[in-house]
Amino acid sequence: MSNVLIVSCDCHAGALPSIYKEYIPSKYHEAAERWWVQYVREIAARAGTFFDQEAIDELADKTGDAGHYQALMQTSPLDVDDQALLAMLSDGESPFAPRRGEWDMEVRLKDLEGDGVVGEVIFPQMAPFGAGLLQYRNPVDPEHNLAGIRAYNRWLADFCNTNPGRHAGVALINIDDIEVTCQEVREAREMGLWGGVLLPTSTGDYPFYHHPRYEPLWATCAELGLPLQAHSGWSPDYGDVESATAMYISEVDMWAQRAFTALLWSGVFERYPDLKLIMTETGTAWILERLRVLEFKADLPFFNHFTAKLSLTPTEYFQRQCFIGASFMPGHEGQERHRIGLDKILWGSDYPHLEGTWPSTREYMHATFAEYPEPEIRAILGESALDAYGFDPDVLRPLAERVGPSLADVTGAAEERKTAG
């Protein structure tokens, strides 16, 4: 094919509170409304320290959302009553609503195809009762948490099934009761979510993923061919202080990287050789130093006990079963691409997050891929994702010929020719 096939392996979607009401039992509606109001008020109360308004304004200008955020700051969630705030949250046109592309498929496709993206992996945005990336930082009633997970998975399945083969939805789970979790995974797969299972980055008061209690979960995911997903987003609560944002941004990658070490030393990769782990928005080149350290430790005499049941080295397990979701991959992260493996790196735009590449994806691509050979560009931007996730090339290739960029568009050569002309 002539155009470049692009799959974004890091996108996000989430519905409005009013839409989720269609997917959550009515007995939870009142509690869900209270949760949404409380959540937004807590975020607003920290806006002066946890978020830097100047940086947000700069990013908002990039996406054309400056008016959205200016309106948001002019009408603080702290200045309206609960019912007015809830109405704003449920109004797709209000400044408090998510970007329309997060829940409106028509807008989403226009945005994605404008970036040249023909397939995507969808991670959660925000689900009822905070289910998802942050669910074990601010715990809610376990019954409500499970209801929020089920509502999100049902909504996401309907959302993805609008365009079969283009949207690989990632299922939410919790790890309270592993038997229940395994049933939720099966139901999510039956509904059409095939992008994997999002492991909570924090397990709260439960053991981490090296513990034998998770064995049924690994077996279920391996049986169903669902990748395990580790995505950055969780961190401890660094408090409402001036350095909180710096701490969060500095360490957020680290917490999602831990799953690899747990699955390695507990023998999960050994017992389930077909099980995949995909670590997204965790950086890229970090894995090389991590593997160097793990190889060093594995060769120490006192590690013989821990490696006795492992037939491969840490690097070999990574190469056999793991992938890096390289969100908005900057140029310096690609310098080690050959050591990591071109088939291990899966590019993502992080749509529709402010820190992602949309709607300036081609400019980001120019900066990263200008000097890359064609086979490497095609592998990182989409071809490796076909294998990692099982996207059907017969579905995506015709779409790429319609909306995908040319190789010159990706490298910036087309822009150079325009400038020279």
Protein backbone atom coordinates (compact mmCIF):
# COMPACT_ATOMS: atom_id res chain seq x y z
CA MET A 1 0.00 0.00 0.00
CA SER A 2 1.15 3.56 -0.60
CA ASN A 3 -0.24 5.40 2.44
CA VAL A 4 1.01 4.66 5.96
CA LEU A 5 -1.35 2.56 8.09
CA ILE A 6 -1.63 4.23 11.49
CA VAL A 7 -3.02 2.63 14.63
CA SER A 8 -3.02 4.71 17.80
CA CYS A 9 -2.34 2.32 20.64
CA ASP A 10 -3.19 4.90 23.27
CA CYS A 11 -6.55 6.65 23.04
CA HIS A 12 -9.18 7.33 25.69
CA ALA A 13 -12.97 7.45 25.80
CA GLY A 14 -15.61 8.00 28.43
CA ALA A 15 -19.27 8.97 28.43
CA LEU A 16 -21.23 11.76 30.08
CA PRO A 17 -22.87 11.00 33.44
CA SER A 18 -26.27 11.22 31.74
CA ILE A 19 -25.24 8.56 29.20
CA TYR A 20 -23.93 6.19 31.86
CA LYS A 21 -27.38 6.22 33.49
CA GLU A 22 -28.52 4.00 30.60
CA TYR A 23 -25.93 1.39 31.61
CA ILE A 24 -26.13 1.43 35.38
CA PRO A 25 -29.03 0.09 37.49
CA SER A 26 -31.41 2.81 38.68
CA LYS A 27 -30.75 1.98 42.33
CA TYR A 28 -27.23 3.42 41.88
CA HIS A 29 -28.22 6.62 40.05
CA GLU A 30 -28.41 8.87 43.10
CA ALA A 31 -25.12 7.63 44.51
CA ALA A 32 -23.46 8.04 41.10
CA GLU A 33 -24.67 11.63 40.86
CA ARG A 34 -23.24 12.39 44.28
CA TRP A 35 -19.92 10.86 43.26
CA TRP A 36 -19.64 12.92 40.05
CA VAL A 37 -20.34 16.16 41.93
CA GLN A 38 -17.86 15.36 44.69
CA TYR A 39 -15.16 14.32 42.22
CA VAL A 40 -15.37 17.51 40.15
CA ARG A 41 -15.41 19.71 43.25
CA GLU A 42 -12.26 18.01 44.55
CA ILE A 43 -10.49 18.56 41.23
CA ALA A 44 -11.58 22.20 41.13
CA ALA A 45 -10.38 22.79 44.69
CA ARG A 46 -6.87 21.73 43.66
CA ALA A 47 -6.76 23.64 40.39
CA GLY A 48 -4.39 26.24 41.77
CA THR A 49 -1.70 23.79 42.86
CA PHE A 50 -2.15 20.48 41.11
CA PHE A 51 -2.68 22.06 37.68
CA ASP A 52 -0.69 24.93 36.24
CA GLN A 53 -3.19 27.15 34.46
CA GLU A 54 -0.62 28.74 32.16
CA ALA A 55 0.45 25.31 30.88
CA ILE A 56 -3.17 24.20 30.45
CA ASP A 57 -3.95 27.35 28.47
CA GLU A 58 -0.98 26.72 26.19
CA LEU A 59 -2.09 23.14 25.53
CA ALA A 60 -5.70 24.21 25.10
CA ASP A 61 -4.64 26.68 22.39
CA LYS A 62 -3.03 23.81 20.52
CA THR A 63 -6.25 21.82 20.41
CA GLY A 64 -8.56 24.76 19.79
CA ASP A 65 -10.13 24.26 23.21
CA ALA A 66 -9.06 27.58 24.70
CA GLY A 67 -12.64 28.78 24.93
CA HIS A 68 -13.66 25.57 26.64
CA TYR A 69 -11.09 25.97 29.40
CA GLN A 70 -11.57 29.69 29.81
CA ALA A 71 -15.26 29.08 30.39
CA LEU A 72 -14.40 26.33 32.83
CA MET A 73 -12.27 28.63 34.91
CA GLN A 74 -14.79 31.46 34.79
CA THR A 75 -17.54 29.20 36.12
CA SER A 76 -15.91 27.27 38.93
CA PRO A 77 -17.58 24.05 40.14
CA LEU A 78 -17.18 25.55 43.59
CA ASP A 79 -19.54 28.42 42.73
CA VAL A 80 -22.66 26.47 41.74
CA ASP A 81 -24.98 24.19 43.67
CA ASP A 82 -25.04 20.40 43.24
CA GLN A 83 -27.94 20.27 40.80
CA ALA A 84 -26.53 23.00 38.58
CA LEU A 85 -23.15 21.30 38.54
CA LEU A 86 -24.67 17.94 37.73
CA ALA A 87 -26.60 19.50 34.86
CA MET A 88 -23.38 21.00 33.53
CA LEU A 89 -21.60 17.64 33.78
CA SER A 90 -24.37 15.95 31.85
CA ASP A 91 -24.59 18.61 29.14
CA GLY A 92 -22.41 17.75 26.17
CA GLU A 93 -22.07 21.43 25.31
CA SER A 94 -21.09 22.74 28.74
CA PRO A 95 -17.55 23.71 29.72
CA PHE A 96 -17.55 20.87 32.28
CA ALA A 97 -18.36 18.18 29.71
CA PRO A 98 -15.58 16.04 28.24
CA ARG A 99 -14.44 16.77 24.72
CA ARG A 100 -17.19 15.64 22.44
CA GLY A 101 -14.94 13.10 20.75
CA GLU A 102 -14.64 11.23 24.02
CA TRP A 103 -18.23 10.05 23.74
CA ASP A 104 -19.54 11.10 20.31
CA MET A 105 -18.35 8.61 17.68
CA GLU A 106 -19.10 10.86 14.73
CA VAL A 107 -16.85 13.59 16.13
CA ARG A 108 -14.26 11.04 17.21
CA LEU A 109 -13.89 9.52 13.76
CA LYS A 110 -13.53 12.96 12.21
CA ASP A 111 -10.75 13.79 14.69
CA LEU A 112 -8.95 10.47 14.30
CA GLU A 113 -9.14 10.39 10.53
CA GLY A 114 -7.97 13.99 10.43
CA ASP A 115 -4.83 12.67 12.10
CA GLY A 116 -4.63 9.80 9.61
CA VAL A 117 -5.51 7.22 12.28
CA VAL A 118 -7.59 4.23 11.10
CA GLY A 119 -7.53 2.03 14.20
CA GLU A 120 -7.22 2.66 17.91
CA VAL A 121 -6.87 1.07 21.33
CA ILE A 122 -9.26 2.71 23.79
CA PHE A 123 -8.37 3.06 27.46
CA PRO A 124 -10.79 4.51 30.01
CA GLN A 125 -11.33 8.18 30.59
CA MET A 126 -13.62 8.37 33.60
CA ALA A 127 -16.19 5.84 34.68
CA PRO A 128 -18.92 6.07 37.33
CA PHE A 129 -17.60 5.90 40.89
CA GLY A 130 -14.04 6.48 39.64
CA ALA A 131 -13.57 2.96 38.32
CA GLY A 132 -10.36 2.74 36.31
CA LEU A 133 -6.87 4.10 36.73
CA LEU A 134 -7.45 5.77 40.10
CA GLN A 135 -9.92 3.41 41.73
CA TYR A 136 -7.62 2.23 44.54
CA ARG A 137 -6.44 5.73 45.49
CA ASN A 138 -9.85 7.08 46.49
CA PRO A 139 -11.80 3.92 47.28
CA VAL A 140 -15.58 3.91 47.06
CA ASP A 141 -18.11 1.35 48.19
CA PRO A 142 -17.07 -1.98 46.54
CA GLU A 143 -20.60 -2.56 45.27
CA HIS A 144 -20.63 0.88 43.64
CA ASN A 145 -17.17 0.33 42.18
CA LEU A 146 -18.26 -2.89 40.49
CA ALA A 147 -21.40 -1.21 39.18
CA GLY A 148 -19.24 1.54 37.69
CA ILE A 149 -16.94 -1.00 36.03
CA ARG A 150 -19.88 -2.86 34.49
CA ALA A 151 -21.47 0.35 33.26
CA TYR A 152 -18.25 1.50 31.62
CA ASN A 153 -17.57 -1.84 29.93
CA ARG A 154 -21.11 -2.04 28.56
CA TRP A 155 -20.97 1.50 27.25
CA LEU A 156 -17.50 1.01 25.73
CA ALA A 157 -18.56 -2.21 24.00
CA ASP A 158 -21.48 -0.44 22.35
CA PHE A 159 -19.20 2.47 21.45
CA CYS A 160 -16.57 0.23 19.84
CA ASN A 161 -19.03 -2.02 18.06
CA THR A 162 -20.25 0.98 16.06
CA ASN A 163 -17.30 0.36 13.72
CA PRO A 164 -16.25 -3.29 14.04
CA GLY A 165 -12.55 -3.91 13.72
CA ARG A 166 -11.41 -0.31 14.25
CA HIS A 167 -11.70 0.15 18.03
CA ALA A 168 -9.97 -2.24 20.43
CA GLY A 169 -11.65 -1.46 23.74
CA VAL A 170 -9.78 -2.21 26.99
CA ALA A 171 -11.96 -3.68 29.74
CA LEU A 172 -11.98 -2.30 33.27
CA ILE A 173 -11.69 -4.66 36.22
CA ASN A 174 -11.13 -4.50 39.94
CA ILE A 175 -9.26 -7.16 41.92
CA ASP A 176 -11.49 -7.42 45.00
CA ASP A 177 -12.82 -10.91 44.25
CA ILE A 178 -10.81 -12.72 41.57
CA GLU A 179 -13.62 -15.15 40.76
CA VAL A 180 -15.94 -12.21 40.04
CA THR A 181 -13.14 -10.48 38.13
CA CYS A 182 -12.68 -13.48 35.84
CA GLN A 183 -16.40 -13.54 35.10
CA GLU A 184 -16.32 -9.82 34.27
CA VAL A 185 -13.41 -10.46 31.89
CA ARG A 186 -15.36 -13.18 30.11
CA GLU A 187 -18.42 -10.99 29.78
CA ALA A 188 -16.34 -8.09 28.49
CA ARG A 189 -14.84 -10.31 25.80
CA GLU A 190 -18.27 -11.62 24.83
CA MET A 191 -19.53 -8.03 24.48
CA GLY A 192 -16.76 -7.28 22.00
CA LEU A 193 -13.93 -5.76 24.08
CA TRP A 194 -10.76 -7.29 22.65
CA GLY A 195 -8.12 -4.66 23.47
CA GLY A 196 -7.15 -6.32 26.74
CA VAL A 197 -7.74 -6.01 30.46
CA LEU A 198 -6.56 -2.95 32.38
CA LEU A 199 -4.69 -3.96 35.52
CA PRO A 200 -5.23 -1.42 38.29
CA THR A 201 -1.83 0.20 38.78
CA SER A 202 -2.35 0.15 42.52
CA THR A 203 -3.91 -2.85 44.23
CA GLY A 204 -4.80 -0.92 47.37
CA ASP A 205 -4.94 -3.18 50.41
CA TYR A 206 -4.65 -6.30 48.25
CA PRO A 207 -1.31 -7.97 47.38
CA PHE A 208 0.49 -6.93 44.21
CA TYR A 209 0.55 -9.05 41.05
CA HIS A 210 3.31 -11.43 42.12
CA HIS A 211 0.79 -13.04 44.51
CA PRO A 212 -0.78 -16.45 43.70
CA ARG A 213 -4.32 -15.07 44.24
CA TYR A 214 -4.25 -13.70 40.67
CA GLU A 215 -3.56 -17.06 38.99
CA PRO A 216 -7.16 -17.50 37.76
CA LEU A 217 -7.01 -14.05 36.16
CA TRP A 218 -3.83 -14.88 34.23
CA ALA A 219 -5.34 -18.17 33.11
CA THR A 220 -8.56 -16.50 31.95
CA CYS A 221 -6.78 -13.78 29.97
CA ALA A 222 -4.46 -16.33 28.37
CA GLU A 223 -7.40 -18.53 27.42
CA LEU A 224 -9.30 -15.63 25.84
CA GLY A 225 -6.26 -14.12 24.13
CA LEU A 226 -6.66 -10.82 25.97
CA PRO A 227 -3.49 -8.81 26.66
CA LEU A 228 -2.78 -7.55 30.14
CA GLN A 229 -2.59 -3.75 30.10
CA ALA A 230 -0.54 -1.50 32.37
CA HIS A 231 -1.22 2.20 31.74
CA SER A 232 0.21 5.14 33.65
CA GLY A 233 -2.13 7.47 35.49
CA TRP A 234 -2.10 6.31 39.10
CA SER A 235 0.22 7.67 41.74
CA PRO A 236 0.02 8.17 45.47
CA ASP A 237 -1.76 11.34 46.49
CA TYR A 238 1.05 13.90 46.71
CA GLY A 239 -1.21 16.40 48.40
CA ASP A 240 -2.45 19.88 47.62
CA VAL A 241 0.97 21.54 47.61
CA GLU A 242 2.96 23.45 45.05
CA SER A 243 5.28 20.55 44.10
CA ALA A 244 2.48 17.99 43.72
CA THR A 245 2.30 18.23 39.93
CA ALA A 246 6.06 17.91 39.55
CA MET A 247 6.06 14.82 41.76
CA TYR A 248 3.16 13.28 39.86
CA ILE A 249 4.67 13.83 36.42
CA SER A 250 8.11 12.65 37.56
CA GLU A 251 6.93 9.35 39.00
CA VAL A 252 3.70 8.43 37.22
CA ASP A 253 5.48 6.22 34.68
CA MET A 254 7.23 4.21 37.37
CA TRP A 255 4.09 2.86 38.99
CA ALA A 256 2.77 1.34 35.77
CA GLN A 257 6.16 -0.23 34.97
CA ARG A 258 6.03 -2.45 38.08
CA ALA A 259 3.71 -5.03 36.54
CA PHE A 260 6.53 -6.38 34.36
CA THR A 261 8.74 -7.21 37.34
CA ALA A 262 5.89 -8.89 39.22
CA LEU A 263 4.86 -11.10 36.31
CA LEU A 264 8.48 -11.97 35.56
CA TRP A 265 9.61 -13.18 38.98
CA SER A 266 6.31 -14.87 39.86
CA GLY A 267 6.63 -17.03 36.73
CA VAL A 268 3.48 -15.81 35.00
CA PHE A 269 5.31 -15.39 31.69
CA GLU A 270 6.73 -18.90 32.07
CA ARG A 271 3.38 -20.55 32.81
CA TYR A 272 1.46 -18.64 30.13
CA PRO A 273 3.83 -18.22 27.16
CA ASP A 274 1.08 -16.78 24.96
CA LEU A 275 -0.02 -14.13 27.48
CA LYS A 276 0.92 -10.58 26.48
CA LEU A 277 1.73 -7.60 28.67
CA ILE A 278 1.48 -4.14 27.09
CA MET A 279 2.84 -1.19 29.06
CA THR A 280 1.45 2.10 27.76
CA GLU A 281 2.38 5.72 28.42
CA THR A 282 5.27 4.55 30.59
CA GLY A 283 8.05 5.90 28.38
CA THR A 284 10.03 3.70 26.02
CA ALA A 285 13.78 3.49 26.57
CA TRP A 286 13.42 2.79 30.31
CA ILE A 287 12.92 -0.92 29.58
CA LEU A 288 16.55 -1.31 28.48
CA GLU A 289 18.00 -0.17 31.79
CA ARG A 290 15.39 -2.19 33.67
CA LEU A 291 16.32 -5.32 31.74
CA ARG A 292 20.02 -4.67 32.31
CA VAL A 293 19.45 -4.53 36.06
CA LEU A 294 17.20 -7.60 36.05
CA GLU A 295 19.73 -9.58 34.02
CA PHE A 296 22.44 -8.62 36.50
CA LYS A 297 20.33 -9.73 39.45
CA ALA A 298 19.29 -12.96 37.72
CA ASP A 299 22.97 -13.90 37.36
CA LEU A 300 23.73 -13.45 41.06
CA PRO A 301 24.23 -16.74 42.93
CA PHE A 302 21.56 -16.02 45.53
CA PHE A 303 19.05 -15.51 42.71
CA ASN A 304 19.38 -19.15 41.65
CA HIS A 305 16.38 -19.97 43.81
CA PHE A 306 14.22 -17.38 42.05
CA THR A 307 15.27 -18.36 38.54
CA ALA A 308 15.15 -22.14 39.03
CA LYS A 309 11.69 -22.45 37.44
CA LEU A 310 12.31 -19.88 34.69
CA SER A 311 13.49 -21.16 31.32
CA LEU A 312 14.24 -17.74 29.81
CA THR A 313 16.12 -14.61 30.80
CA PRO A 314 14.26 -11.38 31.65
CA THR A 315 15.12 -9.98 28.21
CA GLU A 316 13.88 -13.10 26.48
CA TYR A 317 10.55 -12.94 28.30
CA PHE A 318 10.17 -9.30 27.32
CA GLN A 319 10.94 -10.03 23.69
CA ARG A 320 8.54 -12.98 23.62
CA GLN A 321 5.55 -11.48 25.40
CA CYS A 322 5.74 -7.76 26.01
CA PHE A 323 5.16 -4.51 24.15
CA ILE A 324 5.65 -0.81 24.86
CA GLY A 325 2.76 1.54 24.11
CA ALA A 326 4.88 4.51 23.01
CA SER A 327 2.49 7.40 23.54
CA PHE A 328 3.34 10.62 21.64
CA MET A 329 6.85 9.20 21.19
CA PRO A 330 9.44 12.01 21.15
CA GLY A 331 12.59 11.79 19.10
CA HIS A 332 14.94 10.87 21.93
CA GLU A 333 12.77 7.88 22.90
CA GLY A 334 13.24 6.42 19.43
CA GLN A 335 17.03 6.44 19.53
CA GLU A 336 17.06 3.00 21.17
CA ARG A 337 14.35 1.51 18.96
CA HIS A 338 16.57 -1.18 17.48
CA ARG A 339 17.71 -2.43 20.87
CA ILE A 340 14.11 -2.50 22.12
CA GLY A 341 12.77 -4.04 18.91
CA LEU A 342 10.71 -2.38 16.21
CA ASP A 343 8.01 -5.01 16.70
CA LYS A 344 7.82 -4.10 20.40
CA ILE A 345 7.05 -0.38 19.99
CA LEU A 346 3.41 0.67 19.45
CA TRP A 347 2.84 4.36 18.73
CA GLY A 348 -0.10 6.23 20.29
CA SER A 349 -1.52 9.74 20.02
CA ASP A 350 -3.14 9.79 23.49
CA TYR A 351 -6.29 11.23 21.89
CA PRO A 352 -8.02 13.32 23.18
CA HIS A 353 -5.77 14.28 26.09
CA LEU A 354 -4.19 17.73 26.08
CA GLU A 355 -0.66 16.32 26.39
CA GLY A 356 -1.16 14.08 23.35
CA THR A 357 -0.42 14.81 19.71
CA TRP A 358 -3.95 15.52 18.42
CA PRO A 359 -4.70 17.65 16.44
CA SER A 360 -1.05 18.33 15.53
CA THR A 361 -0.08 14.71 14.99
CA ARG A 362 1.68 15.22 11.69
CA GLU A 363 3.93 17.90 13.17
CA TYR A 364 4.86 15.51 15.98
CA MET A 365 5.55 12.79 13.44
CA HIS A 366 7.82 15.08 11.44
CA ALA A 367 9.87 15.78 14.57
CA THR A 368 10.27 12.08 15.43
CA PHE A 369 10.27 10.17 12.15
CA ALA A 370 11.92 12.55 9.66
CA GLU A 371 15.07 10.41 9.33
CA TYR A 372 13.56 6.96 9.86
CA PRO A 373 13.65 4.40 7.03
CA GLU A 374 10.25 3.51 5.61
CA PRO A 375 10.01 -0.02 7.11
CA GLU A 376 10.65 1.38 10.60
CA ILE A 377 8.02 4.09 10.20
CA ARG A 378 5.42 1.60 9.05
CA ALA A 379 6.25 -0.84 11.86
CA ILE A 380 6.05 1.64 14.73
CA LEU A 381 3.01 3.59 13.48
CA GLY A 382 0.80 0.62 12.76
CA GLU A 383 2.12 -2.65 11.39
CA SER A 384 3.40 -3.92 14.76
CA ALA A 385 0.00 -3.14 16.31
CA LEU A 386 -1.65 -5.53 13.85
CA ASP A 387 0.26 -8.39 15.44
CA ALA A 388 0.19 -7.17 19.04
CA TYR A 389 -3.59 -6.66 19.14
CA GLY A 390 -4.88 -8.76 16.28
CA PHE A 391 -6.32 -5.94 14.19
CA ASP A 392 -7.59 -7.27 10.85
CA PRO A 393 -5.46 -5.76 8.08
CA ASP A 394 -8.26 -6.36 5.58
CA VAL A 395 -10.38 -3.90 7.57
CA LEU A 396 -7.72 -1.25 8.15
CA ARG A 397 -5.70 -1.19 4.93
CA PRO A 398 -8.51 0.16 2.70
CA LEU A 399 -9.19 2.85 5.30
CA ALA A 400 -5.51 3.80 5.33
CA GLU A 401 -5.58 4.24 1.57
CA ARG A 402 -8.47 6.65 2.05
CA VAL A 403 -7.35 8.74 5.06
CA GLY A 404 -3.80 7.69 5.93
CA PRO A 405 -0.84 10.01 5.29
CA SER A 406 1.74 9.40 2.62
CA LEU A 407 5.25 8.56 3.71
CA ALA A 408 6.29 12.10 2.75
CA ASP A 409 3.56 13.51 5.00
CA VAL A 410 4.91 11.52 7.96
CA THR A 411 8.54 12.50 7.47
CA GLY A 412 7.78 16.10 6.65
CA ALA A 413 9.12 15.84 3.11
CA ALA A 414 5.81 17.00 1.70
CA GLU A 415 5.94 20.11 3.85
CA GLU A 416 9.51 20.77 2.75
CA ARG A 417 8.48 20.57 -0.89
CA LYS A 418 5.63 23.02 -0.28
CA THR A 419 8.01 25.44 1.44
CA ALA A 420 10.58 25.12 -1.32
CA GLY A 421 7.86 25.68 -3.94
